[in-house]
Amino acid sequence: FGVQCVVLGVDSLRDDDGDWRVRSLSGDPSRMKAHAKPTLEWIAEGIALGAGEVVLNCIGSDGVRGGYDIEQLRAARAVCPVPLVASGGAGAKQHFIDAFQRAEVDAALAASVFHDGSIDIGELKATLASAGVPVRQAAITDIAGMASA
């Protein structure tokens, strides 16, 4: 396997001292733990150890639909030579455009905006493409035609 198969998932939150730090057990606020090593160092170390992609979940913006944490993503981009995926904060199509254009991420993920239908994936792809963001267009396959061929 290649390094593209090794994905470093990072849950990160800014501390009172202004540094972003990795969190573990972030799904349970009563058990969540901050690690001493700053997020950017954690990312650099993970890449040095063989991570071929980084998914950065910015906990402070996750679930609130106010936009991705562009500042943190830009800082991560500066130390991350492998594909960087933005996670946490999407609430509007413009948020995706901002992540690609302002933070220069390679991908942006979201969940709730697609599950509840507030953003249509096809419309988002068209919006991104018209903003100059490269998007993979899904091939439309006639399944019924394939079955009869």
N, C-alpha and C. Protein backbone atom coordinates (compact mmCIF):
# COMPACT_ATOMS: atom_id res chain seq x y z
N PHE A 1 0.84 -1.18 0.00
CA PHE A 1 0.00 0.00 0.00
C PHE A 1 0.88 1.24 0.00
N GLY A 2 0.31 2.33 -0.43
CA GLY A 2 1.06 3.59 -0.46
C GLY A 2 0.62 4.51 0.65
N VAL A 3 1.31 5.64 0.78
CA VAL A 3 0.99 6.57 1.87
C VAL A 3 -0.41 7.14 1.74
N GLN A 4 -0.99 7.15 0.51
CA GLN A 4 -2.34 7.67 0.36
C GLN A 4 -3.35 6.85 1.15
N CYS A 5 -2.96 5.64 1.55
CA CYS A 5 -3.83 4.78 2.34
C CYS A 5 -3.77 5.09 3.83
N VAL A 6 -2.81 5.91 4.23
CA VAL A 6 -2.65 6.25 5.65
C VAL A 6 -3.16 7.67 5.86
N VAL A 7 -4.31 7.77 6.51
CA VAL A 7 -4.95 9.07 6.73
C VAL A 7 -4.86 9.43 8.20
N LEU A 8 -4.33 10.61 8.47
CA LEU A 8 -4.25 11.13 9.84
C LEU A 8 -5.50 11.96 10.11
N GLY A 9 -6.33 11.49 11.03
CA GLY A 9 -7.50 12.25 11.45
C GLY A 9 -7.17 13.04 12.70
N VAL A 10 -7.40 14.34 12.66
CA VAL A 10 -7.03 15.22 13.77
C VAL A 10 -8.25 16.01 14.22
N ASP A 11 -8.61 15.87 15.49
CA ASP A 11 -9.62 16.73 16.12
C ASP A 11 -8.86 17.82 16.85
N SER A 12 -9.13 19.08 16.51
CA SER A 12 -8.33 20.18 17.04
C SER A 12 -9.21 21.31 17.54
N LEU A 13 -8.75 21.95 18.61
CA LEU A 13 -9.47 23.07 19.21
C LEU A 13 -8.47 24.08 19.72
N ARG A 14 -8.79 25.35 19.57
CA ARG A 14 -7.90 26.41 20.05
C ARG A 14 -8.01 26.52 21.56
N ASP A 15 -6.87 26.59 22.23
CA ASP A 15 -6.82 26.76 23.68
C ASP A 15 -6.78 28.24 24.04
N ASP A 16 -6.90 28.53 25.32
CA ASP A 16 -6.88 29.91 25.81
C ASP A 16 -5.58 30.63 25.48
N ASP A 17 -4.48 29.87 25.33
CA ASP A 17 -3.19 30.50 25.01
C ASP A 17 -3.06 30.83 23.52
N GLY A 18 -4.10 30.53 22.74
CA GLY A 18 -4.11 30.85 21.32
C GLY A 18 -3.61 29.75 20.41
N ASP A 19 -3.04 28.68 20.99
CA ASP A 19 -2.55 27.56 20.19
C ASP A 19 -3.67 26.56 19.96
N TRP A 20 -3.64 25.90 18.81
CA TRP A 20 -4.56 24.79 18.55
C TRP A 20 -3.91 23.53 19.08
N ARG A 21 -4.70 22.72 19.75
CA ARG A 21 -4.19 21.46 20.28
C ARG A 21 -5.14 20.32 19.91
N VAL A 22 -4.53 19.16 19.74
CA VAL A 22 -5.28 17.96 19.41
C VAL A 22 -6.10 17.53 20.62
N ARG A 23 -7.29 17.05 20.34
CA ARG A 23 -8.17 16.51 21.37
C ARG A 23 -8.41 15.04 21.09
N SER A 24 -8.52 14.27 22.15
CA SER A 24 -8.96 12.89 22.02
C SER A 24 -10.25 12.75 22.82
N LEU A 25 -10.99 11.71 22.53
CA LEU A 25 -12.29 11.47 23.16
C LEU A 25 -13.21 12.67 22.94
N SER A 26 -13.11 13.29 21.78
CA SER A 26 -13.85 14.54 21.53
C SER A 26 -15.35 14.34 21.38
N GLY A 27 -15.80 13.11 21.27
CA GLY A 27 -17.23 12.86 21.19
C GLY A 27 -17.94 12.97 22.52
N ASP A 28 -17.20 13.06 23.60
CA ASP A 28 -17.78 13.13 24.94
C ASP A 28 -17.12 14.28 25.69
N PRO A 29 -17.79 15.44 25.78
CA PRO A 29 -17.19 16.61 26.43
C PRO A 29 -16.69 16.36 27.84
N SER A 30 -17.32 15.44 28.56
CA SER A 30 -16.88 15.18 29.94
C SER A 30 -15.57 14.39 29.98
N ARG A 31 -15.21 13.73 28.89
CA ARG A 31 -13.98 12.93 28.84
C ARG A 31 -12.93 13.50 27.90
N MET A 32 -13.27 14.56 27.16
CA MET A 32 -12.35 15.10 26.17
C MET A 32 -11.04 15.52 26.81
N LYS A 33 -9.94 15.19 26.12
CA LYS A 33 -8.61 15.46 26.66
C LYS A 33 -7.81 16.28 25.66
N ALA A 34 -7.17 17.36 26.14
CA ALA A 34 -6.26 18.15 25.31
C ALA A 34 -4.86 17.57 25.46
N HIS A 35 -4.16 17.49 24.34
CA HIS A 35 -2.79 17.00 24.36
C HIS A 35 -1.83 18.18 24.38
N ALA A 36 -0.66 18.00 24.95
CA ALA A 36 0.31 19.09 25.11
C ALA A 36 0.88 19.56 23.78
N LYS A 37 1.04 18.64 22.84
CA LYS A 37 1.66 18.99 21.56
C LYS A 37 0.67 19.80 20.71
N PRO A 38 1.08 20.95 20.20
CA PRO A 38 0.20 21.75 19.33
C PRO A 38 -0.18 20.98 18.05
N THR A 39 -1.35 21.28 17.55
CA THR A 39 -1.89 20.61 16.37
C THR A 39 -0.93 20.63 15.19
N LEU A 40 -0.33 21.79 14.92
CA LEU A 40 0.54 21.89 13.74
C LEU A 40 1.77 20.99 13.87
N GLU A 41 2.29 20.85 15.08
CA GLU A 41 3.41 19.92 15.30
C GLU A 41 2.94 18.47 15.13
N TRP A 42 1.73 18.20 15.62
CA TRP A 42 1.15 16.86 15.52
C TRP A 42 1.02 16.48 14.04
N ILE A 43 0.51 17.41 13.23
CA ILE A 43 0.34 17.15 11.80
C ILE A 43 1.70 16.88 11.14
N ALA A 44 2.67 17.73 11.41
CA ALA A 44 4.00 17.56 10.81
C ALA A 44 4.61 16.22 11.20
N GLU A 45 4.45 15.83 12.46
CA GLU A 45 4.99 14.55 12.92
C GLU A 45 4.27 13.39 12.25
N GLY A 46 2.95 13.49 12.15
CA GLY A 46 2.18 12.42 11.49
C GLY A 46 2.60 12.22 10.05
N ILE A 47 2.86 13.31 9.34
CA ILE A 47 3.31 13.21 7.96
C ILE A 47 4.71 12.60 7.90
N ALA A 48 5.58 13.01 8.81
CA ALA A 48 6.94 12.44 8.87
C ALA A 48 6.90 10.94 9.14
N LEU A 49 5.88 10.49 9.86
CA LEU A 49 5.75 9.06 10.17
C LEU A 49 5.03 8.28 9.07
N GLY A 50 4.58 8.98 8.01
CA GLY A 50 4.01 8.26 6.87
C GLY A 50 2.58 8.57 6.50
N ALA A 51 1.93 9.50 7.18
CA ALA A 51 0.57 9.85 6.77
C ALA A 51 0.60 10.48 5.38
N GLY A 52 -0.30 10.03 4.52
CA GLY A 52 -0.36 10.55 3.16
C GLY A 52 -1.50 11.50 2.93
N GLU A 53 -2.30 11.74 3.95
CA GLU A 53 -3.43 12.66 3.87
C GLU A 53 -3.79 13.05 5.30
N VAL A 54 -4.32 14.27 5.46
CA VAL A 54 -4.73 14.75 6.78
C VAL A 54 -6.17 15.24 6.71
N VAL A 55 -7.01 14.72 7.60
CA VAL A 55 -8.37 15.23 7.77
C VAL A 55 -8.35 16.04 9.06
N LEU A 56 -8.52 17.36 8.93
CA LEU A 56 -8.48 18.25 10.09
C LEU A 56 -9.90 18.65 10.47
N ASN A 57 -10.37 18.11 11.59
CA ASN A 57 -11.69 18.46 12.11
C ASN A 57 -11.51 19.58 13.13
N CYS A 58 -11.95 20.77 12.76
CA CYS A 58 -11.84 21.94 13.63
C CYS A 58 -13.05 21.94 14.56
N ILE A 59 -12.85 21.42 15.76
CA ILE A 59 -13.95 21.19 16.70
C ILE A 59 -14.73 22.45 17.01
N GLY A 60 -14.06 23.59 17.09
CA GLY A 60 -14.75 24.83 17.44
C GLY A 60 -15.80 25.26 16.44
N SER A 61 -15.69 24.78 15.20
CA SER A 61 -16.69 25.15 14.20
C SER A 61 -17.55 23.97 13.78
N ASP A 62 -17.26 22.80 14.30
CA ASP A 62 -17.98 21.59 13.92
C ASP A 62 -19.42 21.63 14.43
N GLY A 63 -20.34 21.40 13.52
CA GLY A 63 -21.75 21.30 13.89
C GLY A 63 -22.50 22.60 14.01
N VAL A 64 -21.82 23.74 13.90
CA VAL A 64 -22.52 25.02 14.08
C VAL A 64 -22.87 25.70 12.76
N ARG A 65 -22.36 25.16 11.64
CA ARG A 65 -22.71 25.64 10.30
C ARG A 65 -22.35 27.10 10.04
N GLY A 66 -21.33 27.59 10.72
CA GLY A 66 -20.91 28.98 10.54
C GLY A 66 -19.72 29.13 9.62
N GLY A 67 -19.28 28.04 9.00
CA GLY A 67 -18.13 28.07 8.11
C GLY A 67 -16.96 27.32 8.70
N TYR A 68 -16.09 26.89 7.82
CA TYR A 68 -14.87 26.19 8.24
C TYR A 68 -13.95 27.18 8.96
N ASP A 69 -13.07 26.66 9.80
CA ASP A 69 -12.09 27.49 10.51
C ASP A 69 -10.94 27.78 9.54
N ILE A 70 -11.12 28.82 8.74
CA ILE A 70 -10.16 29.15 7.68
C ILE A 70 -8.78 29.45 8.27
N GLU A 71 -8.73 30.14 9.38
CA GLU A 71 -7.44 30.47 9.98
C GLU A 71 -6.65 29.21 10.33
N GLN A 72 -7.31 28.27 10.98
CA GLN A 72 -6.63 27.03 11.37
C GLN A 72 -6.26 26.20 10.14
N LEU A 73 -7.16 26.14 9.16
CA LEU A 73 -6.87 25.38 7.95
C LEU A 73 -5.70 25.98 7.18
N ARG A 74 -5.62 27.31 7.12
CA ARG A 74 -4.49 27.96 6.43
C ARG A 74 -3.17 27.65 7.16
N ALA A 75 -3.21 27.67 8.48
CA ALA A 75 -2.01 27.34 9.26
C ALA A 75 -1.60 25.89 9.01
N ALA A 76 -2.58 25.01 8.96
CA ALA A 76 -2.28 23.60 8.70
C ALA A 76 -1.73 23.42 7.28
N ARG A 77 -2.32 24.13 6.34
CA ARG A 77 -1.86 24.03 4.95
C ARG A 77 -0.38 24.38 4.84
N ALA A 78 0.07 25.34 5.64
CA ALA A 78 1.46 25.80 5.60
C ALA A 78 2.45 24.72 6.03
N VAL A 79 2.00 23.75 6.83
CA VAL A 79 2.90 22.68 7.29
C VAL A 79 2.54 21.32 6.70
N CYS A 80 1.56 21.31 5.81
CA CYS A 80 1.01 20.04 5.32
C CYS A 80 1.20 19.92 3.80
N PRO A 81 2.25 19.20 3.37
CA PRO A 81 2.48 19.04 1.94
C PRO A 81 1.64 17.93 1.28
N VAL A 82 0.90 17.18 2.08
CA VAL A 82 0.04 16.11 1.56
C VAL A 82 -1.39 16.64 1.48
N PRO A 83 -2.30 15.89 0.81
CA PRO A 83 -3.68 16.36 0.73
C PRO A 83 -4.27 16.68 2.12
N LEU A 84 -4.94 17.83 2.18
CA LEU A 84 -5.56 18.31 3.42
C LEU A 84 -7.06 18.40 3.21
N VAL A 85 -7.82 17.77 4.10
CA VAL A 85 -9.28 17.74 4.02
C VAL A 85 -9.84 18.57 5.17
N ALA A 86 -10.69 19.54 4.83
CA ALA A 86 -11.35 20.39 5.83
C ALA A 86 -12.57 19.66 6.38
N SER A 87 -12.74 19.73 7.69
CA SER A 87 -13.89 19.12 8.34
C SER A 87 -14.37 20.03 9.46
N GLY A 88 -15.69 20.21 9.53
CA GLY A 88 -16.28 20.97 10.63
C GLY A 88 -16.64 22.39 10.28
N GLY A 89 -17.93 22.66 10.10
CA GLY A 89 -18.36 24.04 9.94
C GLY A 89 -19.22 24.35 8.74
N ALA A 90 -19.33 23.44 7.78
CA ALA A 90 -20.08 23.77 6.56
C ALA A 90 -21.55 24.01 6.86
N GLY A 91 -22.04 25.15 6.38
CA GLY A 91 -23.45 25.45 6.54
C GLY A 91 -24.06 26.07 5.30
N ALA A 92 -23.20 26.47 4.35
CA ALA A 92 -23.64 27.11 3.11
C ALA A 92 -22.64 26.78 2.01
N LYS A 93 -23.08 26.90 0.77
CA LYS A 93 -22.19 26.61 -0.36
C LYS A 93 -20.95 27.49 -0.32
N GLN A 94 -21.10 28.74 0.08
CA GLN A 94 -19.97 29.66 0.13
C GLN A 94 -18.88 29.17 1.09
N HIS A 95 -19.27 28.45 2.13
CA HIS A 95 -18.28 27.94 3.07
C HIS A 95 -17.31 26.98 2.39
N PHE A 96 -17.82 26.17 1.47
CA PHE A 96 -16.97 25.26 0.71
C PHE A 96 -16.01 26.05 -0.18
N ILE A 97 -16.55 27.04 -0.88
CA ILE A 97 -15.71 27.88 -1.74
C ILE A 97 -14.60 28.52 -0.92
N ASP A 98 -14.95 29.05 0.24
CA ASP A 98 -13.94 29.68 1.11
C ASP A 98 -12.84 28.69 1.50
N ALA A 99 -13.23 27.47 1.83
CA ALA A 99 -12.23 26.47 2.23
C ALA A 99 -11.25 26.19 1.09
N PHE A 100 -11.77 26.05 -0.12
CA PHE A 100 -10.90 25.77 -1.26
C PHE A 100 -10.07 26.98 -1.66
N GLN A 101 -10.69 28.14 -1.71
CA GLN A 101 -9.98 29.31 -2.23
C GLN A 101 -9.13 30.02 -1.18
N ARG A 102 -9.61 30.11 0.04
CA ARG A 102 -8.88 30.86 1.06
C ARG A 102 -7.91 30.00 1.87
N ALA A 103 -8.27 28.73 2.08
CA ALA A 103 -7.40 27.85 2.87
C ALA A 103 -6.63 26.86 1.99
N GLU A 104 -6.97 26.82 0.72
CA GLU A 104 -6.28 25.96 -0.24
C GLU A 104 -6.28 24.48 0.16
N VAL A 105 -7.42 24.03 0.70
CA VAL A 105 -7.55 22.61 1.03
C VAL A 105 -7.74 21.81 -0.26
N ASP A 106 -7.51 20.52 -0.16
CA ASP A 106 -7.68 19.64 -1.31
C ASP A 106 -9.09 19.05 -1.37
N ALA A 107 -9.76 19.02 -0.23
CA ALA A 107 -11.12 18.51 -0.15
C ALA A 107 -11.79 19.11 1.08
N ALA A 108 -13.12 19.09 1.06
CA ALA A 108 -13.89 19.58 2.20
C ALA A 108 -15.03 18.60 2.42
N LEU A 109 -15.20 18.20 3.66
CA LEU A 109 -16.29 17.27 3.94
C LEU A 109 -17.36 17.92 4.78
N ALA A 110 -18.51 17.32 4.74
CA ALA A 110 -19.67 17.79 5.51
C ALA A 110 -20.62 16.61 5.66
N ALA A 111 -21.55 16.73 6.57
CA ALA A 111 -22.51 15.66 6.76
C ALA A 111 -23.93 16.19 6.91
N SER A 112 -24.19 16.92 7.99
CA SER A 112 -25.57 17.28 8.32
C SER A 112 -26.25 18.10 7.23
N VAL A 113 -25.51 18.96 6.54
CA VAL A 113 -26.13 19.78 5.49
C VAL A 113 -26.61 18.94 4.31
N PHE A 114 -26.00 17.77 4.13
CA PHE A 114 -26.45 16.87 3.07
C PHE A 114 -27.58 15.97 3.57
N HIS A 115 -27.46 15.51 4.83
CA HIS A 115 -28.48 14.63 5.38
C HIS A 115 -29.83 15.32 5.50
N ASP A 116 -29.83 16.59 5.89
CA ASP A 116 -31.11 17.27 6.05
C ASP A 116 -31.57 17.97 4.77
N GLY A 117 -30.77 17.89 3.71
CA GLY A 117 -31.17 18.45 2.43
C GLY A 117 -30.99 19.94 2.28
N SER A 118 -30.35 20.59 3.24
CA SER A 118 -30.19 22.05 3.13
C SER A 118 -29.20 22.42 2.03
N ILE A 119 -28.31 21.50 1.65
CA ILE A 119 -27.43 21.70 0.49
C ILE A 119 -27.55 20.47 -0.39
N ASP A 120 -27.86 20.69 -1.66
CA ASP A 120 -27.93 19.62 -2.64
C ASP A 120 -26.53 19.39 -3.20
N ILE A 121 -26.08 18.15 -3.23
CA ILE A 121 -24.72 17.85 -3.66
C ILE A 121 -24.49 18.27 -5.11
N GLY A 122 -25.44 18.00 -5.98
CA GLY A 122 -25.29 18.40 -7.38
C GLY A 122 -25.18 19.91 -7.54
N GLU A 123 -26.01 20.63 -6.81
CA GLU A 123 -25.95 22.10 -6.86
C GLU A 123 -24.63 22.61 -6.30
N LEU A 124 -24.15 21.98 -5.22
CA LEU A 124 -22.87 22.38 -4.64
C LEU A 124 -21.74 22.17 -5.64
N LYS A 125 -21.74 21.02 -6.31
CA LYS A 125 -20.70 20.76 -7.31
C LYS A 125 -20.73 21.80 -8.42
N ALA A 126 -21.93 22.16 -8.87
CA ALA A 126 -22.06 23.17 -9.93
C ALA A 126 -21.55 24.52 -9.44
N THR A 127 -21.88 24.88 -8.20
CA THR A 127 -21.43 26.14 -7.62
C THR A 127 -19.91 26.17 -7.50
N LEU A 128 -19.34 25.08 -7.03
CA LEU A 128 -17.88 25.00 -6.90
C LEU A 128 -17.21 25.10 -8.27
N ALA A 129 -17.74 24.38 -9.25
CA ALA A 129 -17.16 24.41 -10.59
C ALA A 129 -17.21 25.81 -11.17
N SER A 130 -18.33 26.51 -10.97
CA SER A 130 -18.44 27.88 -11.51
C SER A 130 -17.52 28.85 -10.78
N ALA A 131 -17.08 28.48 -9.57
CA ALA A 131 -16.12 29.31 -8.82
C ALA A 131 -14.68 28.93 -9.14
N GLY A 132 -14.50 27.98 -10.07
CA GLY A 132 -13.16 27.59 -10.47
C GLY A 132 -12.53 26.48 -9.65
N VAL A 133 -13.33 25.84 -8.80
CA VAL A 133 -12.83 24.72 -7.99
C VAL A 133 -12.99 23.43 -8.80
N PRO A 134 -11.91 22.68 -9.01
CA PRO A 134 -12.04 21.42 -9.75
C PRO A 134 -12.95 20.44 -9.00
N VAL A 135 -13.92 19.89 -9.71
CA VAL A 135 -14.86 18.95 -9.09
C VAL A 135 -15.01 17.73 -9.99
N ARG A 136 -15.10 16.59 -9.36
CA ARG A 136 -15.37 15.36 -10.11
C ARG A 136 -16.86 15.28 -10.37
N GLN A 137 -17.23 15.16 -11.61
CA GLN A 137 -18.65 14.99 -11.95
C GLN A 137 -18.95 13.50 -12.02
N ALA A 138 -20.00 13.09 -11.36
CA ALA A 138 -20.38 11.68 -11.36
C ALA A 138 -20.92 11.29 -12.72
N ALA A 139 -20.52 10.13 -13.18
CA ALA A 139 -21.05 9.62 -14.44
C ALA A 139 -22.46 9.10 -14.19
N ILE A 140 -23.35 9.44 -15.10
CA ILE A 140 -24.73 8.95 -14.98
C ILE A 140 -24.80 7.66 -15.79
N THR A 141 -25.17 6.60 -15.12
CA THR A 141 -25.23 5.30 -15.75
C THR A 141 -26.67 4.83 -15.79
N ASP A 142 -27.07 4.35 -16.94
CA ASP A 142 -28.41 3.79 -17.10
C ASP A 142 -28.36 2.35 -16.62
N ILE A 143 -28.72 2.14 -15.37
CA ILE A 143 -28.62 0.81 -14.78
C ILE A 143 -29.55 -0.17 -15.49
N ALA A 144 -30.75 0.29 -15.85
CA ALA A 144 -31.68 -0.59 -16.55
C ALA A 144 -31.08 -1.01 -17.89
N GLY A 145 -30.45 -0.08 -18.59
CA GLY A 145 -29.83 -0.39 -19.88
C GLY A 145 -28.67 -1.35 -19.73
N MET A 146 -27.95 -1.23 -18.64
CA MET A 146 -26.81 -2.12 -18.41
C MET A 146 -27.29 -3.55 -18.18
N ALA A 147 -28.40 -3.67 -17.49
CA ALA A 147 -28.91 -5.00 -17.17
C ALA A 147 -29.38 -5.72 -18.42
N SER A 148 -29.89 -4.96 -19.39
CA SER A 148 -30.41 -5.60 -20.59
C SER A 148 -29.34 -5.78 -21.66
N ALA A 149 -28.16 -5.23 -21.45
CA ALA A 149 -27.12 -5.31 -22.49
C ALA A 149 -26.39 -6.63 -22.46
